[in-house]
């Protein structure tokens, strides 16, 4: 996936000499949770809408550099790590830096979510299988081998839960023969949590994704 086409500059970054009242006005006309603050092409941090509400409107942003949050991804960061960064920092804007640490723009959460909806995991027909095993005892190579040895195709997989030394793996499988795949996973000491022949689980993911998109557009 080429994320570079999603780098956005619709909302220009702030400068340290910007008046607080100007920044308040910028937040009033956009839906961003944060706006980056940049000086000489370098990211100083981000100011959140919640924080700026408590600032003195007659002061400048340079008076409040100590409250900036600092988070970003790079142009080389893959889309799943970008999505993880959004979740970690609870923001709908993610600054992007190049290899020289220069600010080049930002990603919007709604755009990255749309990429997830376009993946084969959501769009290709198949079965959804969720298995569990000790997080030291499983491997993705083993999971893939089990699926493919039963003449099926692994369309996608991710760790959907990891707690109490147990990893839960959610996968989308293309092809037929789910019952044989389930038997093989059991022989390899995996616990079957969910095995769905139809796409009801994936449809639920799509509905949640659609709901999130609608929520972000409010």
C-alpha atoms as a PDB file:
ATOM      1  CA  UNK A   1       0.000   0.000   0.000  1.00  0.00           C
ATOM      2  CA  UNK A   2       1.276   3.454  -0.922  1.00  0.00           C
ATOM      3  CA  UNK A   3       0.543   5.672   2.067  1.00  0.00           C
ATOM      4  CA  UNK A   4       2.341   8.697   0.639  1.00  0.00           C
ATOM      5  CA  UNK A   5      -0.713   9.729  -1.382  1.00  0.00           C
ATOM      6  CA  UNK A   6      -2.616  10.109   1.909  1.00  0.00           C
ATOM      7  CA  UNK A   7      -0.222  12.685   3.393  1.00  0.00           C
ATOM      8  CA  UNK A   8      -2.374  15.735   4.052  1.00  0.00           C
ATOM      9  CA  UNK A   9      -1.587  19.447   4.379  1.00  0.00           C
ATOM     10  CA  UNK A  10      -5.099  20.895   4.397  1.00  0.00           C
ATOM     11  CA  UNK A  11      -4.521  22.264   7.902  1.00  0.00           C
ATOM     12  CA  UNK A  12      -1.160  24.028   7.923  1.00  0.00           C
ATOM     13  CA  UNK A  13       1.058  23.515  10.995  1.00  0.00           C
ATOM     14  CA  UNK A  14       1.257  26.143  13.698  1.00  0.00           C
ATOM     15  CA  UNK A  15       4.276  28.374  14.309  1.00  0.00           C
ATOM     16  CA  UNK A  16       5.502  29.322  17.796  1.00  0.00           C
ATOM     17  CA  UNK A  17       4.638  32.998  17.263  1.00  0.00           C
ATOM     18  CA  UNK A  18       0.966  32.287  16.453  1.00  0.00           C
ATOM     19  CA  UNK A  19      -1.464  33.981  18.863  1.00  0.00           C
ATOM     20  CA  UNK A  20      -3.524  31.595  20.959  1.00  0.00           C
ATOM     21  CA  UNK A  21      -6.736  33.271  19.758  1.00  0.00           C
ATOM     22  CA  UNK A  22      -5.767  32.367  16.180  1.00  0.00           C
ATOM     23  CA  UNK A  23      -5.243  28.712  17.142  1.00  0.00           C
ATOM     24  CA  UNK A  24      -8.623  28.655  18.890  1.00  0.00           C
ATOM     25  CA  UNK A  25     -10.154  29.864  15.646  1.00  0.00           C
ATOM     26  CA  UNK A  26      -8.402  27.127  13.673  1.00  0.00           C
ATOM     27  CA  UNK A  27      -9.775  24.413  15.947  1.00  0.00           C
ATOM     28  CA  UNK A  28     -13.265  25.874  15.612  1.00  0.00           C
ATOM     29  CA  UNK A  29     -13.310  25.261  11.852  1.00  0.00           C
ATOM     30  CA  UNK A  30     -11.697  21.791  11.716  1.00  0.00           C
ATOM     31  CA  UNK A  31     -12.331  18.394  13.292  1.00  0.00           C
ATOM     32  CA  UNK A  32      -8.697  17.697  14.260  1.00  0.00           C
ATOM     33  CA  UNK A  33      -8.011  16.564  17.802  1.00  0.00           C
ATOM     34  CA  UNK A  34      -4.483  17.988  17.487  1.00  0.00           C
ATOM     35  CA  UNK A  35      -2.568  20.438  15.285  1.00  0.00           C
ATOM     36  CA  UNK A  36       1.216  20.105  14.789  1.00  0.00           C
ATOM     37  CA  UNK A  37       3.510  22.967  15.766  1.00  0.00           C
ATOM     38  CA  UNK A  38       6.567  23.311  13.530  1.00  0.00           C
ATOM     39  CA  UNK A  39       9.648  25.544  13.431  1.00  0.00           C
ATOM     40  CA  UNK A  40      12.181  25.500  10.564  1.00  0.00           C
ATOM     41  CA  UNK A  41      10.487  22.340   9.195  1.00  0.00           C
ATOM     42  CA  UNK A  42      11.059  20.508  12.489  1.00  0.00           C
ATOM     43  CA  UNK A  43       8.160  19.167  14.545  1.00  0.00           C
ATOM     44  CA  UNK A  44       8.166  20.678  18.033  1.00  0.00           C
ATOM     45  CA  UNK A  45       5.055  18.774  19.094  1.00  0.00           C
ATOM     46  CA  UNK A  46       1.289  18.860  18.851  1.00  0.00           C
ATOM     47  CA  UNK A  47      -1.261  20.905  20.728  1.00  0.00           C
ATOM     48  CA  UNK A  48      -4.605  19.332  21.533  1.00  0.00           C
ATOM     49  CA  UNK A  49      -7.925  21.106  21.260  1.00  0.00           C
ATOM     50  CA  UNK A  50      -8.632  20.333  24.932  1.00  0.00           C
ATOM     51  CA  UNK A  51      -5.377  21.945  26.095  1.00  0.00           C
ATOM     52  CA  UNK A  52      -5.663  25.114  24.038  1.00  0.00           C
ATOM     53  CA  UNK A  53      -9.075  25.859  25.531  1.00  0.00           C
ATOM     54  CA  UNK A  54      -7.344  26.649  28.816  1.00  0.00           C
ATOM     55  CA  UNK A  55      -4.747  29.034  27.349  1.00  0.00           C
ATOM     56  CA  UNK A  56      -4.772  32.819  27.633  1.00  0.00           C
ATOM     57  CA  UNK A  57      -6.073  34.050  24.226  1.00  0.00           C
ATOM     58  CA  UNK A  58      -3.747  37.065  24.378  1.00  0.00           C
ATOM     59  CA  UNK A  59      -0.570  34.976  24.636  1.00  0.00           C
ATOM     60  CA  UNK A  60       1.344  33.154  21.916  1.00  0.00           C
ATOM     61  CA  UNK A  61       1.950  29.464  21.380  1.00  0.00           C
ATOM     62  CA  UNK A  62       5.616  29.934  22.357  1.00  0.00           C
ATOM     63  CA  UNK A  63       4.369  30.510  25.913  1.00  0.00           C
ATOM     64  CA  UNK A  64       2.936  26.977  26.038  1.00  0.00           C
ATOM     65  CA  UNK A  65       5.594  24.784  24.427  1.00  0.00           C
ATOM     66  CA  UNK A  66       5.894  22.824  27.678  1.00  0.00           C
ATOM     67  CA  UNK A  67       2.422  21.291  27.233  1.00  0.00           C
ATOM     68  CA  UNK A  68       2.973  19.975  23.707  1.00  0.00           C
ATOM     69  CA  UNK A  69       2.538  16.264  23.011  1.00  0.00           C
ATOM     70  CA  UNK A  70       5.190  14.696  20.798  1.00  0.00           C
ATOM     71  CA  UNK A  71       4.288  11.779  18.542  1.00  0.00           C
ATOM     72  CA  UNK A  72       4.748  11.031  14.850  1.00  0.00           C
ATOM     73  CA  UNK A  73       5.356   8.352  12.219  1.00  0.00           C
ATOM     74  CA  UNK A  74       7.791   8.343   9.315  1.00  0.00           C
ATOM     75  CA  UNK A  75       7.174   8.170   5.585  1.00  0.00           C
ATOM     76  CA  UNK A  76       8.555   4.622   5.717  1.00  0.00           C
ATOM     77  CA  UNK A  77       6.168   3.456   8.468  1.00  0.00           C
ATOM     78  CA  UNK A  78       3.750   0.771   7.249  1.00  0.00           C
ATOM     79  CA  UNK A  79       0.004   1.290   7.493  1.00  0.00           C
ATOM     80  CA  UNK A  80      -0.644  -1.133  10.352  1.00  0.00           C
ATOM     81  CA  UNK A  81       1.981   0.599  12.531  1.00  0.00           C
ATOM     82  CA  UNK A  82       0.441   3.949  11.597  1.00  0.00           C
ATOM     83  CA  UNK A  83      -2.953   2.650  12.722  1.00  0.00           C
ATOM     84  CA  UNK A  84      -1.400   1.434  15.971  1.00  0.00           C
ATOM     85  CA  UNK A  85       0.090   4.901  16.563  1.00  0.00           C
ATOM     86  CA  UNK A  86      -3.350   6.476  16.170  1.00  0.00           C
ATOM     87  CA  UNK A  87      -4.742   4.138  18.820  1.00  0.00           C
ATOM     88  CA  UNK A  88      -1.807   4.640  21.184  1.00  0.00           C
ATOM     89  CA  UNK A  89      -2.003   8.438  21.175  1.00  0.00           C
ATOM     90  CA  UNK A  90      -5.803   8.763  20.922  1.00  0.00           C
ATOM     91  CA  UNK A  91      -5.633  11.240  18.040  1.00  0.00           C
ATOM     92  CA  UNK A  92      -7.197  11.569  14.599  1.00  0.00           C
ATOM     93  CA  UNK A  93      -4.120  13.353  13.193  1.00  0.00           C
ATOM     94  CA  UNK A  94      -0.665  11.775  12.893  1.00  0.00           C
ATOM     95  CA  UNK A  95       2.358  13.910  11.813  1.00  0.00           C
ATOM     96  CA  UNK A  96       4.669  12.413   9.184  1.00  0.00           C
ATOM     97  CA  UNK A  97       8.432  13.023   9.171  1.00  0.00           C
ATOM     98  CA  UNK A  98      10.911  12.208   6.413  1.00  0.00           C
ATOM     99  CA  UNK A  99      14.324  10.579   6.781  1.00  0.00           C
ATOM    100  CA  UNK A 100      15.831  13.963   7.779  1.00  0.00           C
ATOM    101  CA  UNK A 101      13.230  14.501  10.527  1.00  0.00           C
ATOM    102  CA  UNK A 102      11.520  17.203   8.478  1.00  0.00           C
ATOM    103  CA  UNK A 103       7.774  17.616   8.839  1.00  0.00           C
ATOM    104  CA  UNK A 104       6.043  16.733   5.549  1.00  0.00           C
ATOM    105  CA  UNK A 105       2.361  16.669   6.551  1.00  0.00           C
ATOM    106  CA  UNK A 106      -0.013  14.415   8.448  1.00  0.00           C
ATOM    107  CA  UNK A 107      -2.247  11.387   8.074  1.00  0.00           C
ATOM    108  CA  UNK A 108      -5.905  11.450   9.026  1.00  0.00           C
ATOM    109  CA  UNK A 109      -7.347   8.472  10.895  1.00  0.00           C
ATOM    110  CA  UNK A 110     -10.333   8.187   8.587  1.00  0.00           C
ATOM    111  CA  UNK A 111      -8.017   7.696   5.579  1.00  0.00           C
ATOM    112  CA  UNK A 112      -6.008   4.941   7.271  1.00  0.00           C
ATOM    113  CA  UNK A 113      -9.230   3.199   8.332  1.00  0.00           C
ATOM    114  CA  UNK A 114     -10.380   3.225   4.718  1.00  0.00           C
ATOM    115  CA  UNK A 115      -7.175   1.356   3.773  1.00  0.00           C
ATOM    116  CA  UNK A 116      -8.030  -1.381   6.274  1.00  0.00           C
ATOM    117  CA  UNK A 117     -11.452  -1.792   4.665  1.00  0.00           C
ATOM    118  CA  UNK A 118      -9.781  -2.361   1.283  1.00  0.00           C
ATOM    119  CA  UNK A 119      -7.601  -5.254   2.457  1.00  0.00           C
ATOM    120  CA  UNK A 120      -8.324  -8.868   1.414  1.00  0.00           C
ATOM    121  CA  UNK A 121      -9.026  -9.594   5.081  1.00  0.00           C
ATOM    122  CA  UNK A 122     -12.286  -7.692   4.784  1.00  0.00           C
ATOM    123  CA  UNK A 123     -13.102  -7.912   1.093  1.00  0.00           C
ATOM    124  CA  UNK A 124     -12.219 -11.462   0.024  1.00  0.00           C
ATOM    125  CA  UNK A 125     -14.760 -14.249   0.705  1.00  0.00           C
ATOM    126  CA  UNK A 126     -13.679 -16.849   3.219  1.00  0.00           C
ATOM    127  CA  UNK A 127     -13.933 -18.196   6.724  1.00  0.00           C
ATOM    128  CA  UNK A 128     -12.884 -16.490   9.940  1.00  0.00           C
ATOM    129  CA  UNK A 129     -11.013 -18.568  12.504  1.00  0.00           C
ATOM    130  CA  UNK A 130      -9.838 -17.492  15.957  1.00  0.00           C
ATOM    131  CA  UNK A 131      -7.443 -19.737  17.865  1.00  0.00           C
ATOM    132  CA  UNK A 132      -5.492 -19.484  21.121  1.00  0.00           C
ATOM    133  CA  UNK A 133      -2.142 -20.803  22.266  1.00  0.00           C
ATOM    134  CA  UNK A 134       0.619 -19.838  24.692  1.00  0.00           C
ATOM    135  CA  UNK A 135       2.359 -16.793  23.260  1.00  0.00           C
ATOM    136  CA  UNK A 136       5.717 -18.588  23.489  1.00  0.00           C
ATOM    137  CA  UNK A 137       4.367 -21.686  21.751  1.00  0.00           C
ATOM    138  CA  UNK A 138       2.836 -20.363  18.537  1.00  0.00           C
ATOM    139  CA  UNK A 139       4.387 -18.915  15.400  1.00  0.00           C
ATOM    140  CA  UNK A 140       2.897 -17.300  12.333  1.00  0.00           C
ATOM    141  CA  UNK A 141       4.903 -19.653  10.145  1.00  0.00           C
ATOM    142  CA  UNK A 142       3.220 -22.601  11.879  1.00  0.00           C
ATOM    143  CA  UNK A 143      -0.225 -20.998  11.541  1.00  0.00           C
ATOM    144  CA  UNK A 144       0.349 -20.385   7.839  1.00  0.00           C
ATOM    145  CA  UNK A 145       1.670 -23.923   7.323  1.00  0.00           C
ATOM    146  CA  UNK A 146      -1.409 -25.443   8.975  1.00  0.00           C
ATOM    147  CA  UNK A 147      -3.759 -23.461   6.744  1.00  0.00           C
ATOM    148  CA  UNK A 148      -1.854 -24.021   3.507  1.00  0.00           C
ATOM    149  CA  UNK A 149      -1.242 -27.723   4.158  1.00  0.00           C
ATOM    150  CA  UNK A 150      -5.014 -28.109   3.962  1.00  0.00           C
ATOM    151  CA  UNK A 151      -5.137 -26.527   0.481  1.00  0.00           C
ATOM    152  CA  UNK A 152      -6.462 -23.189   1.778  1.00  0.00           C
ATOM    153  CA  UNK A 153      -5.074 -19.658   1.585  1.00  0.00           C
ATOM    154  CA  UNK A 154      -4.304 -17.389   4.518  1.00  0.00           C
ATOM    155  CA  UNK A 155      -5.780 -14.002   3.553  1.00  0.00           C
ATOM    156  CA  UNK A 156      -4.702 -12.237   6.730  1.00  0.00           C
ATOM    157  CA  UNK A 157      -3.952 -12.768  10.414  1.00  0.00           C
ATOM    158  CA  UNK A 158      -3.290 -10.652  13.470  1.00  0.00           C
ATOM    159  CA  UNK A 159      -2.937 -10.946  17.240  1.00  0.00           C
ATOM    160  CA  UNK A 160      -6.372  -9.935  18.485  1.00  0.00           C
ATOM    161  CA  UNK A 161      -5.605 -10.505  22.169  1.00  0.00           C
ATOM    162  CA  UNK A 162      -2.544 -11.233  24.293  1.00  0.00           C
ATOM    163  CA  UNK A 163      -2.978 -11.634  28.032  1.00  0.00           C
ATOM    164  CA  UNK A 164      -2.104 -14.114  30.796  1.00  0.00           C
ATOM    165  CA  UNK A 165       0.577 -15.617  28.511  1.00  0.00           C
ATOM    166  CA  UNK A 166      -2.079 -16.616  25.956  1.00  0.00           C
ATOM    167  CA  UNK A 167      -2.099 -15.199  22.426  1.00  0.00           C
ATOM    168  CA  UNK A 168      -5.336 -15.095  20.442  1.00  0.00           C
ATOM    169  CA  UNK A 169      -4.878 -15.164  16.676  1.00  0.00           C
ATOM    170  CA  UNK A 170      -7.630 -14.045  14.302  1.00  0.00           C
ATOM    171  CA  UNK A 171      -7.287 -15.133  10.691  1.00  0.00           C
ATOM    172  CA  UNK A 172      -9.234 -14.999   7.439  1.00  0.00           C
ATOM    173  CA  UNK A 173      -8.993 -18.149   5.345  1.00  0.00           C
ATOM    174  CA  UNK A 174      -9.851 -18.471   1.668  1.00  0.00           C
ATOM    175  CA  UNK A 175     -10.951 -21.769   0.194  1.00  0.00           C
ATOM    176  CA  UNK A 176     -12.845 -24.714   1.663  1.00  0.00           C
ATOM    177  CA  UNK A 177     -12.171 -27.407   4.208  1.00  0.00           C
ATOM    178  CA  UNK A 178     -12.497 -25.442   7.438  1.00  0.00           C
ATOM    179  CA  UNK A 179     -13.287 -28.600   9.408  1.00  0.00           C
ATOM    180  CA  UNK A 180      -9.958 -30.183   8.369  1.00  0.00           C
ATOM    181  CA  UNK A 181      -8.131 -26.984   9.301  1.00  0.00           C
ATOM    182  CA  UNK A 182      -9.815 -26.965  12.718  1.00  0.00           C
ATOM    183  CA  UNK A 183      -8.769 -30.575  13.321  1.00  0.00           C
ATOM    184  CA  UNK A 184      -5.186 -29.777  12.374  1.00  0.00           C
ATOM    185  CA  UNK A 185      -5.051 -26.778  14.725  1.00  0.00           C
ATOM    186  CA  UNK A 186      -6.319 -29.004  17.539  1.00  0.00           C
ATOM    187  CA  UNK A 187      -3.610 -31.581  16.799  1.00  0.00           C
ATOM    188  CA  UNK A 188      -1.072 -28.762  17.186  1.00  0.00           C
ATOM    189  CA  UNK A 189      -2.599 -27.920  20.607  1.00  0.00           C
ATOM    190  CA  UNK A 190      -4.394 -24.746  19.544  1.00  0.00           C
ATOM    191  CA  UNK A 191      -7.673 -23.968  21.267  1.00  0.00           C
ATOM    192  CA  UNK A 192     -10.464 -23.081  18.831  1.00  0.00           C
ATOM    193  CA  UNK A 193     -12.232 -19.920  19.994  1.00  0.00           C
ATOM    194  CA  UNK A 194     -14.302 -19.136  16.890  1.00  0.00           C
ATOM    195  CA  UNK A 195     -14.665 -20.981  13.599  1.00  0.00           C
ATOM    196  CA  UNK A 196     -17.110 -19.314  11.201  1.00  0.00           C
ATOM    197  CA  UNK A 197     -17.807 -20.663   7.745  1.00  0.00           C
ATOM    198  CA  UNK A 198     -19.672 -17.573   6.666  1.00  0.00           C
ATOM    199  CA  UNK A 199     -18.474 -13.979   6.723  1.00  0.00           C
ATOM    200  CA  UNK A 200     -20.660 -12.802   9.614  1.00  0.00           C
ATOM    201  CA  UNK A 201     -17.634 -11.922  11.743  1.00  0.00           C
ATOM    202  CA  UNK A 202     -16.058  -9.953   8.912  1.00  0.00           C
ATOM    203  CA  UNK A 203     -19.356  -8.222   8.166  1.00  0.00           C
ATOM    204  CA  UNK A 204     -19.391  -7.149  11.799  1.00  0.00           C
ATOM    205  CA  UNK A 205     -15.895  -5.708  11.393  1.00  0.00           C
ATOM    206  CA  UNK A 206     -17.053  -3.826   8.308  1.00  0.00           C
ATOM    207  CA  UNK A 207     -20.059  -2.441  10.162  1.00  0.00           C
ATOM    208  CA  UNK A 208     -17.837  -1.288  13.029  1.00  0.00           C
ATOM    209  CA  UNK A 209     -15.446   0.299  10.551  1.00  0.00           C
ATOM    210  CA  UNK A 210     -18.318   2.050   8.761  1.00  0.00           C
ATOM    211  CA  UNK A 211     -19.671   3.264  12.094  1.00  0.00           C
ATOM    212  CA  UNK A 212     -16.258   4.635  13.067  1.00  0.00           C
ATOM    213  CA  UNK A 213     -15.976   6.458   9.747  1.00  0.00           C
ATOM    214  CA  UNK A 214     -19.408   8.030  10.256  1.00  0.00           C
ATOM    215  CA  UNK A 215     -18.455   8.997  13.815  1.00  0.00           C
ATOM    216  CA  UNK A 216     -15.239  10.647  12.625  1.00  0.00           C
ATOM    217  CA  UNK A 217     -17.169  12.625  10.018  1.00  0.00           C
ATOM    218  CA  UNK A 218     -19.486  14.202  12.604  1.00  0.00           C
END
